[in-house]
C-alpha cells in the first residue's frame, strides 16, 4: 500500500487557500460523469485532496457522493447524454494520465447539467502579498500517490478480432420521453437453448457470457419495474455486425446496447419482486423501499394512472397475522399487533399496506384498488424450491 506523506499538512494548507474545500460534497445529480477515481464514504478527505491536486494541474475537476453506491466519485466532466460521455471518456483515457477513466451513470431525471467542463487549460494564479500558495510542484513533493482509490473498471484493450468475450459492453436503460436514466436489470439468455445465463445490472460496464451455442446468439431482456420489457439480440462471436442495428452503437472499444423504455399502459401487470415481507406479516422489510419508491415515482409521474394491487400468498395458510401498529412504521415489527386469519386475508393485508404507503406519500387513495387472491394463483407448486416466489404483490394498470 502506498503511503501519503504529510497528508494533514496539505489538507490544512488547501483548506486555508480554499474554504470551499472543507464543505461536504453534494449528492451527484442524475447524468453521466467521466470519473477518474472513487473513494469509500469514510474517505471524503482523500477525495477532496485529490480533486484539489487536479485543479492545481489545470483540470476543472469536482467530486460528489452517490448514495446508491455509497461512494465518493472524483470526476472531470459531466454530460446529459451517454454518447458524448463515452466519447469524452475515450479522449480522457488516451491522454495517458487517466487510462482507467470510466463513465459513472447516476439514474434519475436529467434536468440540466450541474457542471460544464472543458479540456485542461493552464491556470494562472495571482498571489496576494504575504500569502503562500500550494503549487503543483509542492503537491507532487508531498503526495506520493493517491492512496487506495476504488477503481471500477480496468483499462480496456483493443483486440484484433472483437467478440463479446473481449469487449466492454454498456447496457443503457433510458426513457427518452422524460429524459430519465432508469434503474433496472437485464436478463441474459442463451437464444438457442432458451436458457437464462445470468442477470446483470443496467447502466454498468460488463462482459457478457459466452452461450457456447451454434449460432452464438444472446437475447437480452430488460426488466425495470414500471416499464414494459424490452428485448434485444446480439451475436457473441461477431458483435460488430450488429452495430448496423438501431439499438447498438460502437463507442471506441465499448459496445453500447440501448434499451428505450416505455411506461406501462392500460392492462399491463408488473410484479413487485423486490418488495419483501416479514414472515406471517403484512409489514415490509427495509430493503423493499427502493422498489416501493419506483412504484411511487410511477404514480407521481403520471397522475392519470389508476392501479389495482393484487396480493398473492403461498398455499392455504391459516394462522397468525402480524400487522402494523398505531405508530405506522411500514418497515419494522416494533409496535406491531397480532391477529389471526387466512392466506387470503394475509395477501390482502399485504396489498393494502402498499396502498397505505403510497397514500402516506401523497398518492390519492381513489387511484388504487386492492384484490386478495390468497394461494389461488401460484406461479410454482407450493412445495417447489421456488415456492417463495408465489408470495408477491402485482400491480395492474387500470387507467392511464
Protein backbone atom coordinates (compact mmCIF):
# COMPACT_ATOMS: atom_id res chain seq x y z
CA UNK A 1 0.00 0.00 0.00
CA UNK A 2 1.33 3.41 -0.97
CA UNK A 3 1.75 5.96 1.82
CA UNK A 4 0.51 9.54 1.82
CA UNK A 5 3.21 11.73 3.34
CA UNK A 6 2.38 14.92 5.23
CA UNK A 7 -1.28 14.39 4.37
CA UNK A 8 -2.55 16.53 7.24
CA UNK A 9 -0.27 19.39 6.18
CA UNK A 10 -1.56 19.58 2.62
CA UNK A 11 -5.18 19.25 3.76
CA UNK A 12 -4.71 22.17 6.12
CA UNK A 13 -2.92 24.25 3.51
CA UNK A 14 -5.58 23.64 0.89
CA UNK A 15 -8.30 24.41 3.41
CA UNK A 16 -6.78 27.82 4.11
CA UNK A 17 -6.41 28.65 0.44
CA UNK A 18 -9.87 27.38 -0.49
CA UNK A 19 -12.55 27.49 2.24
CA UNK A 20 -14.96 25.57 0.00
CA UNK A 21 -12.56 22.65 0.32
CA UNK A 22 -13.92 21.94 3.82
CA UNK A 23 -17.52 21.72 2.66
CA UNK A 24 -19.32 18.40 2.41
CA UNK A 25 -19.83 17.16 -1.15
CA UNK A 26 -23.30 17.24 -2.63
CA UNK A 27 -25.21 14.21 -3.87
CA UNK A 28 -24.44 13.72 -7.56
CA UNK A 29 -27.28 14.77 -9.85
CA UNK A 30 -28.62 12.32 -12.47
CA UNK A 31 -26.47 12.14 -15.57
CA UNK A 32 -23.19 10.80 -16.95
CA UNK A 33 -19.88 11.58 -15.23
CA UNK A 34 -16.39 10.91 -16.60
CA UNK A 35 -14.87 9.61 -13.37
CA UNK A 36 -11.18 9.17 -12.61
CA UNK A 37 -11.32 7.84 -9.07
CA UNK A 38 -13.72 6.63 -6.36
CA UNK A 39 -13.49 6.51 -2.59
CA UNK A 40 -15.28 4.90 0.32
CA UNK A 41 -17.71 7.01 2.34
CA UNK A 42 -15.20 7.32 5.19
CA UNK A 43 -12.54 8.83 2.90
CA UNK A 44 -14.09 12.06 1.71
CA UNK A 45 -10.96 13.94 2.79
CA UNK A 46 -8.91 11.89 0.31
CA UNK A 47 -11.39 12.66 -2.48
CA UNK A 48 -11.20 16.37 -1.63
CA UNK A 49 -7.44 16.35 -1.66
CA UNK A 50 -7.23 14.53 -4.99
CA UNK A 51 -9.63 16.99 -6.63
CA UNK A 52 -7.60 19.94 -5.38
CA UNK A 53 -4.46 18.39 -6.87
CA UNK A 54 -6.25 18.01 -10.21
CA UNK A 55 -7.33 21.65 -10.07
CA UNK A 56 -3.76 22.74 -9.49
CA UNK A 57 -2.87 20.85 -12.66
CA UNK A 58 -5.46 22.83 -14.62
CA UNK A 59 -8.37 20.38 -14.66
CA UNK A 60 -11.88 21.55 -13.84
CA UNK A 61 -12.35 18.63 -11.53
CA UNK A 62 -15.00 18.11 -8.92
CA UNK A 63 -16.39 15.34 -6.76
CA UNK A 64 -19.68 14.21 -5.25
CA UNK A 65 -21.38 11.43 -3.34
CA UNK A 66 -23.55 8.68 -4.79
CA UNK A 67 -25.80 7.14 -2.13
CA UNK A 68 -26.76 4.08 -4.17
CA UNK A 69 -23.09 3.05 -4.44
CA UNK A 70 -22.11 4.61 -1.09
CA UNK A 71 -19.03 6.12 -2.74
CA UNK A 72 -17.46 9.49 -3.49
CA UNK A 73 -16.56 9.97 -7.17
CA UNK A 74 -13.92 12.39 -8.45
CA UNK A 75 -14.78 13.43 -11.99
CA UNK A 76 -13.59 15.68 -14.81
CA UNK A 77 -16.70 16.04 -16.95
CA UNK A 78 -20.49 15.85 -16.73
CA UNK A 79 -22.83 15.12 -19.66
CA UNK A 80 -26.58 14.82 -20.07
CA UNK A 81 -26.27 12.13 -22.77
CA UNK A 82 -24.43 8.82 -22.90
CA UNK A 83 -22.83 9.15 -26.33
CA UNK A 84 -20.97 12.36 -25.53
CA UNK A 85 -19.81 10.99 -22.18
CA UNK A 86 -18.36 7.84 -23.75
CA UNK A 87 -16.58 9.88 -26.42
CA UNK A 88 -15.02 12.07 -23.73
CA UNK A 89 -14.10 9.01 -21.67
CA UNK A 90 -12.19 7.69 -24.68
CA UNK A 91 -10.40 11.03 -25.10
CA UNK A 92 -9.57 11.16 -21.41
CA UNK A 93 -8.11 7.65 -21.44
CA UNK A 94 -5.98 8.45 -24.49
CA UNK A 95 -4.17 11.28 -22.70
CA UNK A 96 -2.23 8.79 -20.59
CA UNK A 97 -2.77 10.19 -17.11
CA UNK A 98 -6.27 8.72 -16.76
CA UNK A 99 -6.07 5.37 -18.54
CA UNK A 100 -8.69 3.92 -16.18
CA UNK A 101 -11.27 6.71 -16.53
CA UNK A 102 -14.84 5.49 -16.82
CA UNK A 103 -18.38 6.81 -17.03
CA UNK A 104 -20.44 6.62 -13.86
CA UNK A 105 -24.16 6.77 -14.55
CA UNK A 106 -26.46 8.28 -11.92
CA UNK A 107 -30.10 7.26 -12.56
CA UNK A 108 -32.92 9.78 -12.39
CA UNK A 109 -34.47 12.66 -14.30
CA UNK A 110 -31.87 14.76 -16.12
CA UNK A 111 -32.87 18.41 -15.84
CA UNK A 112 -29.76 20.38 -16.66
CA UNK A 113 -26.02 19.94 -16.47
CA UNK A 114 -24.76 20.76 -12.95
CA UNK A 115 -21.24 21.25 -14.23
CA UNK A 116 -19.88 22.41 -17.60
CA UNK A 117 -16.34 21.25 -18.16
CA UNK A 118 -13.69 21.69 -20.79
CA UNK A 119 -10.23 20.46 -21.65
CA UNK A 120 -7.50 21.30 -19.12
CA UNK A 121 -6.00 24.77 -19.51
CA UNK A 122 -3.07 26.35 -17.69
CA UNK A 123 -4.23 28.08 -14.53
CA UNK A 124 -2.76 31.50 -13.83
CA UNK A 125 -2.74 32.24 -10.11
CA UNK A 126 -2.37 35.66 -8.52
CA UNK A 127 -0.79 35.53 -5.07
CA UNK A 128 -1.65 38.33 -2.62
CA UNK A 129 1.29 39.84 -0.75
CA UNK A 130 2.23 37.78 2.28
CA UNK A 131 0.15 34.75 1.24
CA UNK A 132 1.55 31.30 0.39
CA UNK A 133 0.18 29.27 -2.47
CA UNK A 134 0.40 25.48 -2.77
CA UNK A 135 1.82 24.83 -6.22
CA UNK A 136 1.59 21.69 -8.30
CA UNK A 137 5.29 21.07 -7.64
CA UNK A 138 4.79 21.35 -3.90
CA UNK A 139 1.88 18.98 -4.02
CA UNK A 140 3.88 16.44 -6.01
CA UNK A 141 6.61 16.58 -3.38
CA UNK A 142 4.15 15.98 -0.56
CA UNK A 143 1.84 13.42 -2.15
CA UNK A 144 3.47 10.24 -3.41
CA UNK A 145 0.28 8.73 -4.77
CA UNK A 146 -3.45 8.88 -4.22
CA UNK A 147 -3.93 6.10 -1.62
CA UNK A 148 -6.16 3.15 -2.35
CA UNK A 149 -8.69 4.61 -4.76
CA UNK A 150 -11.55 2.33 -5.69
CA UNK A 151 -11.18 1.51 -9.38
CA UNK A 152 -14.39 0.34 -11.05
CA UNK A 153 -13.09 -0.53 -14.48
CA UNK A 154 -9.65 -1.70 -15.64
CA UNK A 155 -8.09 -0.26 -18.76
CA UNK A 156 -9.75 -1.67 -21.87
CA UNK A 157 -7.55 -3.27 -24.53
CA UNK A 158 -8.28 -3.33 -28.24
CA UNK A 159 -8.19 -6.86 -29.71
CA UNK A 160 -7.63 -7.68 -33.41
CA UNK A 161 -10.90 -9.64 -33.56
CA UNK A 162 -13.71 -8.25 -31.45
CA UNK A 163 -16.02 -10.71 -29.74
CA UNK A 164 -18.22 -10.26 -26.71
CA UNK A 165 -15.60 -12.18 -24.76
CA UNK A 166 -13.08 -9.35 -25.06
CA UNK A 167 -15.38 -6.35 -25.49
CA UNK A 168 -16.66 -3.93 -22.92
CA UNK A 169 -20.46 -3.71 -23.10
CA UNK A 170 -22.60 -0.92 -21.67
CA UNK A 171 -26.33 -1.58 -21.25
CA UNK A 172 -28.10 1.78 -21.40
CA UNK A 173 -31.55 1.86 -19.76
CA UNK A 174 -33.24 5.09 -20.72
CA UNK A 175 -36.65 6.70 -21.07
CA UNK A 176 -36.27 9.33 -23.79
CA UNK A 177 -39.81 10.65 -23.26
CA UNK A 178 -38.91 12.33 -20.00
CA UNK A 179 -35.10 12.31 -20.26
CA UNK A 180 -34.68 9.77 -17.46
CA UNK A 181 -31.92 7.23 -16.75
CA UNK A 182 -33.71 4.16 -15.40
CA UNK A 183 -32.56 1.69 -12.77
CA UNK A 184 -33.14 -1.93 -13.75
CA UNK A 185 -31.67 -5.31 -14.61
CA UNK A 186 -31.07 -7.18 -17.85
CA UNK A 187 -31.60 -10.93 -18.15
CA UNK A 188 -29.04 -12.62 -20.44
CA UNK A 189 -30.48 -15.63 -22.30
CA UNK A 190 -28.87 -18.29 -24.50
CA UNK A 191 -31.15 -17.83 -27.52
CA UNK A 192 -30.67 -21.32 -28.98
CA UNK A 193 -31.49 -23.16 -25.76
CA UNK A 194 -33.91 -20.57 -24.33
CA UNK A 195 -31.86 -20.78 -21.12
CA UNK A 196 -31.15 -17.93 -18.73
CA UNK A 197 -27.40 -17.49 -18.28
CA UNK A 198 -27.29 -14.62 -15.82
CA UNK A 199 -28.90 -11.38 -14.72
CA UNK A 200 -26.84 -8.17 -14.78
CA UNK A 201 -27.43 -4.55 -13.71
CA UNK A 202 -28.19 -1.90 -16.30
CA UNK A 203 -26.08 1.24 -16.81
CA UNK A 204 -22.90 -0.68 -15.95
CA UNK A 205 -19.84 -1.91 -17.85
CA UNK A 206 -19.57 -5.67 -18.15
CA UNK A 207 -18.54 -8.60 -20.31
CA UNK A 208 -21.40 -10.83 -21.42
CA UNK A 209 -21.14 -14.63 -21.01
CA UNK A 210 -20.43 -16.96 -23.92
CA UNK A 211 -23.52 -19.07 -24.76
CA UNK A 212 -21.25 -21.66 -26.45
CA UNK A 213 -24.02 -22.41 -28.88
CA UNK A 214 -24.10 -22.97 -32.62
CA UNK A 215 -25.45 -19.52 -33.50
CA UNK A 216 -23.74 -17.64 -30.68
CA UNK A 217 -26.84 -15.50 -30.21
CA UNK A 218 -27.70 -13.83 -26.93
CA UNK A 219 -31.11 -12.42 -26.06
CA UNK A 220 -31.12 -9.51 -23.62
CA UNK A 221 -34.36 -8.72 -21.79
CA UNK A 222 -34.55 -5.51 -19.79
CA UNK A 223 -36.75 -5.73 -16.70
CA UNK A 224 -37.24 -2.41 -14.91
CA UNK A 225 -40.29 -2.05 -12.71
CA UNK A 226 -42.83 0.42 -14.09
CA UNK A 227 -41.69 -0.12 -17.69
CA UNK A 228 -42.58 -2.60 -20.40
CA UNK A 229 -39.97 -5.28 -21.04
CA UNK A 230 -37.64 -4.61 -23.95
CA UNK A 231 -35.83 -7.42 -25.76
CA UNK A 232 -32.65 -7.01 -27.83
CA UNK A 233 -30.46 -9.55 -29.66
CA UNK A 234 -26.70 -9.61 -30.13
CA UNK A 235 -24.23 -12.05 -31.73
CA UNK A 236 -21.48 -13.21 -29.38
CA UNK A 237 -18.77 -14.19 -31.95
CA UNK A 238 -19.35 -11.23 -34.32
CA UNK A 239 -20.88 -8.30 -32.43
CA UNK A 240 -19.51 -5.73 -34.91
CA UNK A 241 -22.01 -6.96 -37.50
CA UNK A 242 -24.80 -5.95 -35.12
CA UNK A 243 -23.73 -2.31 -34.99
CA UNK A 244 -25.97 -1.72 -38.02
CA UNK A 245 -28.92 -2.21 -35.67
CA UNK A 246 -30.52 0.96 -34.37
CA UNK A 247 -30.10 -0.04 -30.73
CA UNK A 248 -26.35 -0.84 -30.86
CA UNK A 249 -23.51 1.70 -31.11
CA UNK A 250 -19.74 1.20 -31.10
CA UNK A 251 -18.10 3.92 -28.99
CA UNK A 252 -14.35 3.39 -29.19
CA UNK A 253 -13.91 -0.11 -27.75
CA UNK A 254 -17.28 -0.10 -25.99
CA UNK A 255 -20.47 -1.61 -27.40
CA UNK A 256 -23.48 0.36 -26.21
CA UNK A 257 -26.75 -1.59 -26.24
CA UNK A 258 -29.70 0.78 -25.84
CA UNK A 259 -33.00 -0.09 -24.20
CA UNK A 260 -35.54 2.65 -24.92
CA UNK A 261 -38.00 2.07 -22.12
CA UNK A 262 -41.73 2.84 -22.19
CA UNK A 263 -44.00 3.13 -19.17
CA UNK A 264 -46.75 0.58 -18.53
CA UNK A 265 -50.01 1.01 -20.43
CA UNK A 266 -53.57 0.08 -19.51
CA UNK A 267 -53.85 -3.68 -18.98
CA UNK A 268 -50.16 -4.22 -18.20
CA UNK A 269 -49.30 -6.08 -14.99
CA UNK A 270 -45.97 -5.78 -13.22
CA UNK A 271 -44.75 -7.73 -10.19
CA UNK A 272 -43.09 -6.14 -7.17
CA UNK A 273 -40.49 -8.89 -6.91
CA UNK A 274 -38.25 -6.80 -4.67
CA UNK A 275 -40.87 -5.95 -2.06
CA UNK A 276 -40.37 -8.36 0.83
CA UNK A 277 -42.49 -9.05 3.91
CA UNK A 278 -41.67 -10.43 7.34
CA UNK A 279 -42.95 -13.97 7.93
CA UNK A 280 -46.69 -14.11 8.69
CA UNK A 281 -46.78 -10.32 8.49
CA UNK A 282 -48.16 -7.50 6.37
CA UNK A 283 -45.12 -5.43 7.32
CA UNK A 284 -42.41 -4.85 4.76
CA UNK A 285 -38.68 -5.32 5.19
CA UNK A 286 -36.49 -2.19 4.83
CA UNK A 287 -34.90 -3.47 1.60
CA UNK A 288 -38.32 -3.05 -0.05
CA UNK A 289 -38.00 0.74 -0.10
CA UNK A 290 -36.25 1.00 -3.46
CA UNK A 291 -38.92 -0.77 -5.50
CA UNK A 292 -41.72 0.84 -3.48
CA UNK A 293 -40.29 4.21 -4.39
CA UNK A 294 -40.14 3.14 -8.04
CA UNK A 295 -43.88 2.48 -7.84
CA UNK A 296 -44.41 5.81 -6.08
CA UNK A 297 -42.40 7.58 -8.78
CA UNK A 298 -44.50 5.92 -11.48
CA UNK A 299 -47.71 7.14 -9.82
CA UNK A 300 -46.34 10.66 -9.39
CA UNK A 301 -45.06 10.82 -12.96
CA UNK A 302 -48.46 10.01 -14.44
CA UNK A 303 -51.30 11.39 -12.26
CA UNK A 304 -53.85 9.70 -14.54
CA UNK A 305 -52.70 6.22 -13.58
CA UNK A 306 -55.18 4.09 -11.66
CA UNK A 307 -53.95 0.73 -10.43
CA UNK A 308 -55.10 -2.48 -8.78
CA UNK A 309 -52.79 -4.18 -6.27
CA UNK A 310 -53.12 -7.98 -6.40
CA UNK A 311 -51.98 -9.78 -3.24
CA UNK A 312 -50.83 -13.42 -3.51
CA UNK A 313 -49.63 -15.92 -0.92
CA UNK A 314 -48.21 -19.46 -0.98
CA UNK A 315 -50.74 -22.22 -0.19
CA UNK A 316 -53.81 -22.11 2.04
CA UNK A 317 -52.26 -20.76 5.21
CA UNK A 318 -54.38 -20.07 8.30
CA UNK A 319 -52.85 -18.74 11.48
CA UNK A 320 -51.34 -15.65 13.00
CA UNK A 321 -51.07 -12.43 11.03
CA UNK A 322 -48.78 -9.65 12.26
CA UNK A 323 -49.86 -6.17 11.15
CA UNK A 324 -48.62 -2.61 11.51
CA UNK A 325 -49.24 -0.89 14.81
CA UNK A 326 -50.52 2.63 15.55
CA UNK A 327 -47.05 4.15 15.07
CA UNK A 328 -47.41 3.45 11.31
CA UNK A 329 -43.92 2.02 10.83
CA UNK A 330 -44.12 0.27 7.45
CA UNK A 331 -40.71 -1.41 7.82
CA UNK A 332 -40.40 -2.60 11.43
CA UNK A 333 -42.03 -5.18 13.69
CA UNK A 334 -41.63 -2.82 16.65
CA UNK A 335 -45.05 -1.82 17.95
CA UNK A 336 -46.83 -4.31 15.66
CA UNK A 337 -50.02 -6.13 16.62
CA UNK A 338 -51.01 -9.76 16.16
CA UNK A 339 -54.22 -11.39 14.99
CA UNK A 340 -55.33 -14.46 13.07
CA UNK A 341 -56.59 -15.01 9.57
CA UNK A 342 -56.40 -16.90 6.29
CA UNK A 343 -53.94 -16.84 3.40
CA UNK A 344 -56.41 -14.62 1.56
CA UNK A 345 -56.52 -12.21 4.49
CA UNK A 346 -52.72 -12.07 4.62
CA UNK A 347 -52.39 -11.46 0.87
CA UNK A 348 -55.00 -8.70 1.02
CA UNK A 349 -53.31 -7.06 4.02
CA UNK A 350 -50.01 -7.03 2.19
CA UNK A 351 -51.50 -5.33 -0.85
CA UNK A 352 -53.27 -2.89 1.46
CA UNK A 353 -50.07 -1.92 3.27
CA UNK A 354 -48.52 -0.93 -0.07
CA UNK A 355 -51.55 1.20 -0.79
CA UNK A 356 -51.21 2.83 2.64
CA UNK A 357 -47.55 3.58 1.94
CA UNK A 358 -48.44 5.32 -1.32
CA UNK A 359 -51.22 7.30 0.36
CA UNK A 360 -48.79 8.36 3.10
CA UNK A 361 -46.53 9.72 0.35
CA UNK A 362 -49.18 11.79 -1.39
CA UNK A 363 -50.96 9.42 -3.81
CA UNK A 364 -54.76 9.69 -3.66
CA UNK A 365 -56.42 6.55 -2.30
CA UNK A 366 -59.08 6.78 -5.04
CA UNK A 367 -56.41 5.89 -7.62
CA UNK A 368 -55.84 2.44 -6.10
CA UNK A 369 -57.81 -0.78 -5.60
CA UNK A 370 -56.83 -3.93 -3.70
CA UNK A 371 -57.59 -7.54 -4.67
CA UNK A 372 -56.77 -10.50 -2.38
CA UNK A 373 -56.12 -13.88 -4.04
CA UNK A 374 -54.53 -15.91 -1.27
CA UNK A 375 -52.94 -19.01 -2.81
CA UNK A 376 -55.34 -19.34 -5.75
CA UNK A 377 -52.89 -18.13 -8.42
CA UNK A 378 -49.48 -19.66 -7.67
CA UNK A 379 -46.56 -19.32 -10.04
CA UNK A 380 -44.99 -22.53 -8.73
CA UNK A 381 -46.12 -25.61 -6.79
CA UNK A 382 -46.25 -24.78 -3.08
CA UNK A 383 -43.60 -27.45 -2.38
CA UNK A 384 -41.25 -26.21 -5.14
CA UNK A 385 -37.86 -24.65 -4.36
CA UNK A 386 -39.31 -21.51 -5.99
CA UNK A 387 -42.47 -21.56 -3.87
CA UNK A 388 -41.47 -18.36 -2.07
CA UNK A 389 -41.98 -16.50 -5.36
CA UNK A 390 -45.70 -17.21 -5.02
CA UNK A 391 -45.68 -14.60 -2.23
CA UNK A 392 -45.95 -11.42 -4.24
CA UNK A 393 -47.91 -8.26 -4.98
CA UNK A 394 -48.72 -7.43 -8.60
CA UNK A 395 -49.60 -4.02 -9.99
CA UNK A 396 -52.22 -3.83 -12.75
CA UNK A 397 -52.74 -0.63 -14.73
CA UNK A 398 -56.47 0.12 -14.87
CA UNK A 399 -56.33 3.61 -16.38
CA UNK A 400 -53.59 5.83 -17.78
